Amino acid sequence: MQEHQTAPEISLFLVSFLNSIRTRRHFRVDWRQLSSGDPSLFLQAIEDQTEIGAQGLLEGLLAKKWIELQQHHFRRLGSRRFVSL
């Protein structure tokens, strides 16, 4: 994810979510580590991803809201990169 400049909040969520699956513990987000982006959009992305479920994530199914968050991240970096499906 670092190589592709994934937004830190997206990386944090994905790693935490996958870790909760592995350890069979309840998933929690540490909001102190949410360094940037739109918190309401981030929350919606989390809800959408949670609805897709753990198995869906393991199969590569990601919520579409992550695209918006990643595009915001590229803009913050001043990057000319863009996110596409």
N, C-alpha and C. Protein backbone atom coordinates (compact mmCIF):
# COMPACT_ATOMS: atom_id res chain seq x y z
N MET A 1 0.82 -1.18 0.00
CA MET A 1 0.00 0.00 0.00
C MET A 1 0.87 1.26 0.00
N GLN A 2 2.02 1.19 0.66
CA GLN A 2 2.91 2.35 0.67
C GLN A 2 3.41 2.67 -0.73
N GLU A 3 3.74 1.64 -1.47
CA GLU A 3 4.26 1.82 -2.83
C GLU A 3 3.26 2.56 -3.72
N HIS A 4 1.98 2.35 -3.47
CA HIS A 4 0.93 2.96 -4.29
C HIS A 4 0.36 4.23 -3.65
N GLN A 5 1.01 4.72 -2.59
CA GLN A 5 0.61 5.93 -1.89
C GLN A 5 -0.84 5.86 -1.40
N THR A 6 -1.20 4.71 -0.84
CA THR A 6 -2.53 4.56 -0.28
C THR A 6 -2.68 5.51 0.90
N ALA A 7 -3.83 6.15 0.99
CA ALA A 7 -4.10 7.08 2.09
C ALA A 7 -3.90 6.36 3.42
N PRO A 8 -3.24 7.01 4.37
CA PRO A 8 -2.96 6.36 5.66
C PRO A 8 -4.21 5.85 6.36
N GLU A 9 -5.31 6.59 6.29
CA GLU A 9 -6.53 6.15 6.96
C GLU A 9 -7.11 4.89 6.32
N ILE A 10 -6.92 4.73 5.01
CA ILE A 10 -7.39 3.52 4.33
C ILE A 10 -6.52 2.34 4.75
N SER A 11 -5.21 2.54 4.75
CA SER A 11 -4.30 1.48 5.19
C SER A 11 -4.59 1.06 6.61
N LEU A 12 -4.78 2.05 7.47
CA LEU A 12 -5.08 1.77 8.88
C LEU A 12 -6.34 0.91 9.01
N PHE A 13 -7.39 1.30 8.29
CA PHE A 13 -8.62 0.53 8.37
C PHE A 13 -8.41 -0.89 7.88
N LEU A 14 -7.84 -1.05 6.70
CA LEU A 14 -7.72 -2.38 6.11
C LEU A 14 -6.87 -3.31 6.98
N VAL A 15 -5.76 -2.81 7.48
CA VAL A 15 -4.91 -3.63 8.34
C VAL A 15 -5.64 -3.97 9.63
N SER A 16 -6.30 -3.00 10.23
CA SER A 16 -7.04 -3.24 11.48
C SER A 16 -8.19 -4.21 11.27
N PHE A 17 -8.90 -4.05 10.16
CA PHE A 17 -10.04 -4.93 9.86
C PHE A 17 -9.57 -6.36 9.63
N LEU A 18 -8.51 -6.51 8.85
CA LEU A 18 -7.97 -7.85 8.60
C LEU A 18 -7.43 -8.47 9.88
N ASN A 19 -6.81 -7.66 10.72
CA ASN A 19 -6.30 -8.17 11.99
C ASN A 19 -7.44 -8.63 12.89
N SER A 20 -8.56 -7.90 12.87
CA SER A 20 -9.71 -8.30 13.68
C SER A 20 -10.28 -9.63 13.20
N ILE A 21 -10.20 -9.88 11.91
CA ILE A 21 -10.65 -11.16 11.36
C ILE A 21 -9.72 -12.27 11.85
N ARG A 22 -8.44 -12.01 11.77
CA ARG A 22 -7.43 -13.01 12.16
C ARG A 22 -7.53 -13.35 13.64
N THR A 23 -7.72 -12.33 14.47
CA THR A 23 -7.74 -12.56 15.92
C THR A 23 -9.15 -12.82 16.46
N ARG A 24 -10.14 -12.70 15.59
CA ARG A 24 -11.54 -12.89 15.98
C ARG A 24 -11.95 -11.95 17.11
N ARG A 25 -11.43 -10.73 17.04
CA ARG A 25 -11.79 -9.70 18.01
C ARG A 25 -12.62 -8.63 17.33
N HIS A 26 -13.36 -7.90 18.13
CA HIS A 26 -14.20 -6.83 17.61
C HIS A 26 -13.34 -5.76 16.96
N PHE A 27 -13.78 -5.29 15.82
CA PHE A 27 -13.06 -4.25 15.08
C PHE A 27 -13.31 -2.88 15.70
N ARG A 28 -12.23 -2.12 15.91
CA ARG A 28 -12.33 -0.75 16.41
C ARG A 28 -11.42 0.14 15.59
N VAL A 29 -11.85 1.38 15.37
CA VAL A 29 -11.03 2.36 14.66
C VAL A 29 -10.46 3.32 15.69
N ASP A 30 -9.16 3.55 15.64
CA ASP A 30 -8.52 4.54 16.49
C ASP A 30 -8.59 5.88 15.76
N TRP A 31 -9.56 6.69 16.12
CA TRP A 31 -9.80 7.96 15.42
C TRP A 31 -8.63 8.92 15.55
N ARG A 32 -7.77 8.74 16.56
CA ARG A 32 -6.59 9.61 16.70
C ARG A 32 -5.64 9.42 15.54
N GLN A 33 -5.71 8.27 14.89
CA GLN A 33 -4.82 8.00 13.77
C GLN A 33 -5.43 8.42 12.43
N LEU A 34 -6.64 8.95 12.48
CA LEU A 34 -7.26 9.46 11.25
C LEU A 34 -6.70 10.85 11.00
N SER A 35 -5.64 10.91 10.22
CA SER A 35 -4.87 12.14 10.09
C SER A 35 -5.47 13.15 9.12
N SER A 36 -6.27 12.71 8.20
CA SER A 36 -6.76 13.62 7.18
C SER A 36 -8.01 13.05 6.55
N GLY A 37 -8.50 13.76 5.56
CA GLY A 37 -9.67 13.28 4.84
C GLY A 37 -10.96 13.73 5.49
N ASP A 38 -12.04 13.25 4.97
CA ASP A 38 -13.38 13.60 5.41
C ASP A 38 -13.86 12.52 6.36
N PRO A 39 -13.99 12.82 7.67
CA PRO A 39 -14.40 11.79 8.63
C PRO A 39 -15.74 11.15 8.30
N SER A 40 -16.70 11.93 7.78
CA SER A 40 -18.00 11.34 7.46
C SER A 40 -17.88 10.39 6.27
N LEU A 41 -17.06 10.73 5.30
CA LEU A 41 -16.83 9.84 4.16
C LEU A 41 -16.09 8.59 4.61
N PHE A 42 -15.13 8.76 5.51
CA PHE A 42 -14.39 7.63 6.05
C PHE A 42 -15.33 6.69 6.81
N LEU A 43 -16.22 7.26 7.61
CA LEU A 43 -17.17 6.46 8.37
C LEU A 43 -18.11 5.69 7.43
N GLN A 44 -18.56 6.35 6.35
CA GLN A 44 -19.43 5.68 5.38
C GLN A 44 -18.68 4.55 4.68
N ALA A 45 -17.41 4.77 4.36
CA ALA A 45 -16.61 3.72 3.72
C ALA A 45 -16.47 2.52 4.66
N ILE A 46 -16.25 2.80 5.95
CA ILE A 46 -16.15 1.72 6.92
C ILE A 46 -17.46 0.94 6.99
N GLU A 47 -18.56 1.65 7.06
CA GLU A 47 -19.87 0.99 7.13
C GLU A 47 -20.12 0.15 5.89
N ASP A 48 -19.81 0.70 4.72
CA ASP A 48 -20.00 -0.04 3.47
C ASP A 48 -19.11 -1.29 3.43
N GLN A 49 -17.85 -1.13 3.85
CA GLN A 49 -16.93 -2.27 3.83
C GLN A 49 -17.37 -3.33 4.83
N THR A 50 -17.83 -2.90 5.99
CA THR A 50 -18.31 -3.84 6.99
C THR A 50 -19.51 -4.62 6.48
N GLU A 51 -20.37 -3.93 5.72
CA GLU A 51 -21.54 -4.60 5.14
C GLU A 51 -21.10 -5.64 4.10
N ILE A 52 -20.07 -5.33 3.34
CA ILE A 52 -19.54 -6.30 2.37
C ILE A 52 -19.02 -7.52 3.12
N GLY A 53 -18.40 -7.27 4.28
CA GLY A 53 -17.97 -8.36 5.14
C GLY A 53 -16.54 -8.78 4.96
N ALA A 54 -16.11 -9.57 5.93
CA ALA A 54 -14.74 -10.05 5.96
C ALA A 54 -14.42 -10.92 4.76
N GLN A 55 -15.30 -11.84 4.46
CA GLN A 55 -15.04 -12.74 3.33
C GLN A 55 -14.94 -11.95 2.03
N GLY A 56 -15.80 -10.97 1.86
CA GLY A 56 -15.74 -10.13 0.66
C GLY A 56 -14.42 -9.41 0.55
N LEU A 57 -13.94 -8.86 1.68
CA LEU A 57 -12.64 -8.17 1.66
C LEU A 57 -11.53 -9.14 1.30
N LEU A 58 -11.56 -10.32 1.87
CA LEU A 58 -10.53 -11.32 1.56
C LEU A 58 -10.56 -11.72 0.09
N GLU A 59 -11.73 -11.59 -0.54
CA GLU A 59 -11.86 -11.90 -1.97
C GLU A 59 -11.59 -10.68 -2.85
N GLY A 60 -11.22 -9.55 -2.23
CA GLY A 60 -10.85 -8.36 -2.99
C GLY A 60 -11.98 -7.39 -3.26
N LEU A 61 -13.11 -7.54 -2.58
CA LEU A 61 -14.24 -6.64 -2.78
C LEU A 61 -14.10 -5.44 -1.85
N LEU A 62 -13.92 -4.27 -2.43
CA LEU A 62 -13.74 -3.05 -1.66
C LEU A 62 -14.91 -2.11 -1.87
N ALA A 63 -15.27 -1.38 -0.83
CA ALA A 63 -16.34 -0.39 -0.92
C ALA A 63 -15.92 0.74 -1.85
N LYS A 64 -16.85 1.27 -2.62
CA LYS A 64 -16.55 2.33 -3.58
C LYS A 64 -16.14 3.64 -2.92
N LYS A 65 -16.53 3.85 -1.68
CA LYS A 65 -16.17 5.09 -0.97
C LYS A 65 -14.66 5.21 -0.80
N TRP A 66 -13.94 4.09 -0.80
CA TRP A 66 -12.49 4.16 -0.68
C TRP A 66 -11.90 4.93 -1.85
N ILE A 67 -12.55 4.85 -3.01
CA ILE A 67 -12.07 5.57 -4.20
C ILE A 67 -12.06 7.07 -3.95
N GLU A 68 -13.17 7.59 -3.41
CA GLU A 68 -13.26 9.02 -3.11
C GLU A 68 -12.20 9.44 -2.10
N LEU A 69 -12.04 8.64 -1.04
CA LEU A 69 -11.04 8.96 -0.04
C LEU A 69 -9.62 8.96 -0.62
N GLN A 70 -9.34 8.00 -1.46
CA GLN A 70 -8.01 7.93 -2.07
C GLN A 70 -7.79 9.11 -3.01
N GLN A 71 -8.81 9.50 -3.75
CA GLN A 71 -8.67 10.65 -4.64
C GLN A 71 -8.42 11.92 -3.85
N HIS A 72 -9.09 12.09 -2.71
CA HIS A 72 -8.83 13.24 -1.82
C HIS A 72 -7.37 13.22 -1.36
N HIS A 73 -6.88 12.04 -1.05
CA HIS A 73 -5.50 11.90 -0.59
C HIS A 73 -4.53 12.34 -1.68
N PHE A 74 -4.74 11.91 -2.90
CA PHE A 74 -3.87 12.32 -4.00
C PHE A 74 -3.88 13.84 -4.16
N ARG A 75 -5.07 14.45 -4.04
CA ARG A 75 -5.15 15.91 -4.15
C ARG A 75 -4.36 16.59 -3.04
N ARG A 76 -4.47 16.06 -1.81
CA ARG A 76 -3.73 16.63 -0.68
C ARG A 76 -2.22 16.57 -0.92
N LEU A 77 -1.79 15.50 -1.57
CA LEU A 77 -0.36 15.33 -1.87
C LEU A 77 0.10 16.20 -3.03
N GLY A 78 -0.86 16.76 -3.77
CA GLY A 78 -0.52 17.52 -4.97
C GLY A 78 -0.18 16.60 -6.13
N SER A 79 -0.61 15.36 -6.03
CA SER A 79 -0.31 14.35 -7.04
C SER A 79 -1.25 14.51 -8.24
N ARG A 80 -0.75 14.15 -9.40
CA ARG A 80 -1.58 14.16 -10.61
C ARG A 80 -2.21 12.80 -10.86
N ARG A 81 -1.93 11.87 -9.95
CA ARG A 81 -2.50 10.52 -10.08
C ARG A 81 -4.00 10.59 -9.85
N PHE A 82 -4.70 9.59 -10.37
CA PHE A 82 -6.13 9.50 -10.13
C PHE A 82 -6.50 8.05 -9.93
N VAL A 83 -7.63 7.87 -9.29
CA VAL A 83 -8.11 6.53 -8.97
C VAL A 83 -9.14 6.14 -10.02
N SER A 84 -9.02 4.95 -10.54
CA SER A 84 -10.00 4.46 -11.51
C SER A 84 -10.41 3.05 -11.13
N LEU A 85 -11.52 2.62 -11.63
CA LEU A 85 -12.00 1.26 -11.36
C LEU A 85 -11.32 0.27 -12.25
